[in-house]
Amino acid sequence: MKAILLNKTARAGAVVLAIAGAFFTVSMQEVSTAAPKIGYLADSNNDCTDVQVQCSDNPSPFLCRVNGTTGAIAYDKDSDNNCIQPLYRP
């Protein structure tokens, strides 16, 4: 009788541990995807200015702008100091 009860308890414990591990893995993946990226404003020649904005390179429906939802769009700076790729709101 004790062996049967112990066997059922061990199975239930293994199921609980597996479910908890799955939730922990998913939550860690969500945390690691949010990478901050510095965005820059572009001048009329598409050269980057010294104005920096906190943005993200994770695609979203909202572009990163100077004043949150308004203002100029912030861009990623390439090695030639060009601002071509727009960034997204964090």
C-alpha atoms as a PDB file:
ATOM      1  CA  MET A   1       0.000   0.000   0.000  1.00  0.00           C
ATOM      2  CA  LYS A   2       2.802   2.420   0.908  1.00  0.00           C
ATOM      3  CA  ALA A   3       4.620   1.586  -2.328  1.00  0.00           C
ATOM      4  CA  ILE A   4       1.568   2.450  -4.441  1.00  0.00           C
ATOM      5  CA  LEU A   5       1.076   5.768  -2.621  1.00  0.00           C
ATOM      6  CA  LEU A   6       4.778   6.607  -2.955  1.00  0.00           C
ATOM      7  CA  ASN A   7       4.687   5.776  -6.682  1.00  0.00           C
ATOM      8  CA  LYS A   8       1.662   8.082  -7.279  1.00  0.00           C
ATOM      9  CA  THR A   9       3.296  10.884  -5.272  1.00  0.00           C
ATOM     10  CA  ALA A  10       6.522  10.591  -7.283  1.00  0.00           C
ATOM     11  CA  ARG A  11       4.589  10.781 -10.562  1.00  0.00           C
ATOM     12  CA  ALA A  12       2.643  13.844  -9.418  1.00  0.00           C
ATOM     13  CA  GLY A  13       5.869  15.510  -8.285  1.00  0.00           C
ATOM     14  CA  ALA A  14       7.505  14.854 -11.649  1.00  0.00           C
ATOM     15  CA  VAL A  15       4.541  16.393 -13.501  1.00  0.00           C
ATOM     16  CA  VAL A  16       4.586  19.505 -11.296  1.00  0.00           C
ATOM     17  CA  LEU A  17       8.348  19.861 -11.777  1.00  0.00           C
ATOM     18  CA  ALA A  18       8.004  19.539 -15.575  1.00  0.00           C
ATOM     19  CA  ILE A  19       5.269  22.190 -15.743  1.00  0.00           C
ATOM     20  CA  ALA A  20       7.251  24.585 -13.543  1.00  0.00           C
ATOM     21  CA  GLY A  21      10.324  24.085 -15.755  1.00  0.00           C
ATOM     22  CA  ALA A  22       8.323  24.875 -18.883  1.00  0.00           C
ATOM     23  CA  PHE A  23       7.004  28.146 -17.424  1.00  0.00           C
ATOM     24  CA  PHE A  24      10.475  29.138 -16.206  1.00  0.00           C
ATOM     25  CA  THR A  25      11.995  28.505 -19.659  1.00  0.00           C
ATOM     26  CA  VAL A  26       9.353  30.592 -21.442  1.00  0.00           C
ATOM     27  CA  SER A  27       9.709  33.500 -19.005  1.00  0.00           C
ATOM     28  CA  MET A  28      13.504  33.531 -19.422  1.00  0.00           C
ATOM     29  CA  GLN A  29      13.142  33.684 -23.219  1.00  0.00           C
ATOM     30  CA  GLU A  30      10.854  36.706 -22.948  1.00  0.00           C
ATOM     31  CA  VAL A  31      13.317  38.544 -20.709  1.00  0.00           C
ATOM     32  CA  SER A  32      16.260  37.972 -23.054  1.00  0.00           C
ATOM     33  CA  THR A  33      14.496  39.376 -26.153  1.00  0.00           C
ATOM     34  CA  ALA A  34      14.308  42.951 -24.912  1.00  0.00           C
ATOM     35  CA  ALA A  35      17.642  44.430 -26.008  1.00  0.00           C
ATOM     36  CA  PRO A  36      18.040  48.196 -25.678  1.00  0.00           C
ATOM     37  CA  LYS A  37      19.439  49.972 -28.724  1.00  0.00           C
ATOM     38  CA  ILE A  38      20.601  53.566 -29.071  1.00  0.00           C
ATOM     39  CA  GLY A  39      18.865  55.417 -31.880  1.00  0.00           C
ATOM     40  CA  TYR A  40      20.016  58.608 -33.564  1.00  0.00           C
ATOM     41  CA  LEU A  41      18.238  61.370 -35.442  1.00  0.00           C
ATOM     42  CA  ALA A  42      18.959  61.837 -39.145  1.00  0.00           C
ATOM     43  CA  ASP A  43      19.764  65.175 -40.774  1.00  0.00           C
ATOM     44  CA  SER A  44      18.756  66.131 -44.332  1.00  0.00           C
ATOM     45  CA  ASN A  45      21.648  64.050 -45.787  1.00  0.00           C
ATOM     46  CA  ASN A  46      20.665  60.945 -43.749  1.00  0.00           C
ATOM     47  CA  ASP A  47      23.769  61.408 -41.593  1.00  0.00           C
ATOM     48  CA  CYS A  48      23.298  60.652 -37.904  1.00  0.00           C
ATOM     49  CA  THR A  49      23.316  63.538 -35.443  1.00  0.00           C
ATOM     50  CA  ASP A  50      24.616  63.492 -31.860  1.00  0.00           C
ATOM     51  CA  VAL A  51      21.092  63.279 -30.397  1.00  0.00           C
ATOM     52  CA  GLN A  52      20.605  59.828 -28.824  1.00  0.00           C
ATOM     53  CA  VAL A  53      17.268  58.118 -28.102  1.00  0.00           C
ATOM     54  CA  GLN A  54      16.652  54.863 -26.180  1.00  0.00           C
ATOM     55  CA  CYS A  55      15.084  52.431 -28.678  1.00  0.00           C
ATOM     56  CA  SER A  56      14.844  48.741 -29.529  1.00  0.00           C
ATOM     57  CA  ASP A  57      15.667  46.731 -32.646  1.00  0.00           C
ATOM     58  CA  ASN A  58      12.858  44.236 -31.944  1.00  0.00           C
ATOM     59  CA  PRO A  59      10.155  44.787 -34.599  1.00  0.00           C
ATOM     60  CA  SER A  60       6.915  46.290 -33.331  1.00  0.00           C
ATOM     61  CA  PRO A  61       4.110  48.359 -34.870  1.00  0.00           C
ATOM     62  CA  PHE A  62       5.465  51.555 -33.256  1.00  0.00           C
ATOM     63  CA  LEU A  63       8.571  53.406 -34.440  1.00  0.00           C
ATOM     64  CA  CYS A  64      10.971  54.938 -31.922  1.00  0.00           C
ATOM     65  CA  ARG A  65      10.574  58.719 -31.792  1.00  0.00           C
ATOM     66  CA  VAL A  66      12.226  61.548 -29.873  1.00  0.00           C
ATOM     67  CA  ASN A  67       9.244  62.354 -27.638  1.00  0.00           C
ATOM     68  CA  GLY A  68       7.717  58.912 -27.210  1.00  0.00           C
ATOM     69  CA  THR A  69       4.864  58.988 -29.733  1.00  0.00           C
ATOM     70  CA  THR A  70       5.710  62.276 -31.484  1.00  0.00           C
ATOM     71  CA  GLY A  71       8.751  63.914 -33.006  1.00  0.00           C
ATOM     72  CA  ALA A  72      11.450  62.748 -35.365  1.00  0.00           C
ATOM     73  CA  ILE A  73      12.059  59.035 -35.973  1.00  0.00           C
ATOM     74  CA  ALA A  74      15.224  57.506 -34.486  1.00  0.00           C
ATOM     75  CA  TYR A  75      17.486  55.381 -36.687  1.00  0.00           C
ATOM     76  CA  ASP A  76      20.248  52.831 -36.262  1.00  0.00           C
ATOM     77  CA  LYS A  77      23.718  54.203 -37.032  1.00  0.00           C
ATOM     78  CA  ASP A  78      25.875  52.182 -39.438  1.00  0.00           C
ATOM     79  CA  SER A  79      29.677  52.200 -39.689  1.00  0.00           C
ATOM     80  CA  ASP A  80      29.610  55.131 -42.175  1.00  0.00           C
ATOM     81  CA  ASN A  81      27.541  57.328 -39.795  1.00  0.00           C
ATOM     82  CA  ASN A  82      24.426  56.897 -41.969  1.00  0.00           C
ATOM     83  CA  CYS A  83      20.951  56.717 -40.423  1.00  0.00           C
ATOM     84  CA  ILE A  84      18.915  54.470 -42.728  1.00  0.00           C
ATOM     85  CA  GLN A  85      17.244  51.695 -40.667  1.00  0.00           C
ATOM     86  CA  PRO A  86      14.457  53.007 -38.370  1.00  0.00           C
ATOM     87  CA  LEU A  87      14.249  51.553 -34.873  1.00  0.00           C
ATOM     88  CA  TYR A  88      11.230  50.619 -32.763  1.00  0.00           C
ATOM     89  CA  ARG A  89       9.760  51.878 -29.516  1.00  0.00           C
ATOM     90  CA  PRO A  90      10.999  49.815 -26.541  1.00  0.00           C
END
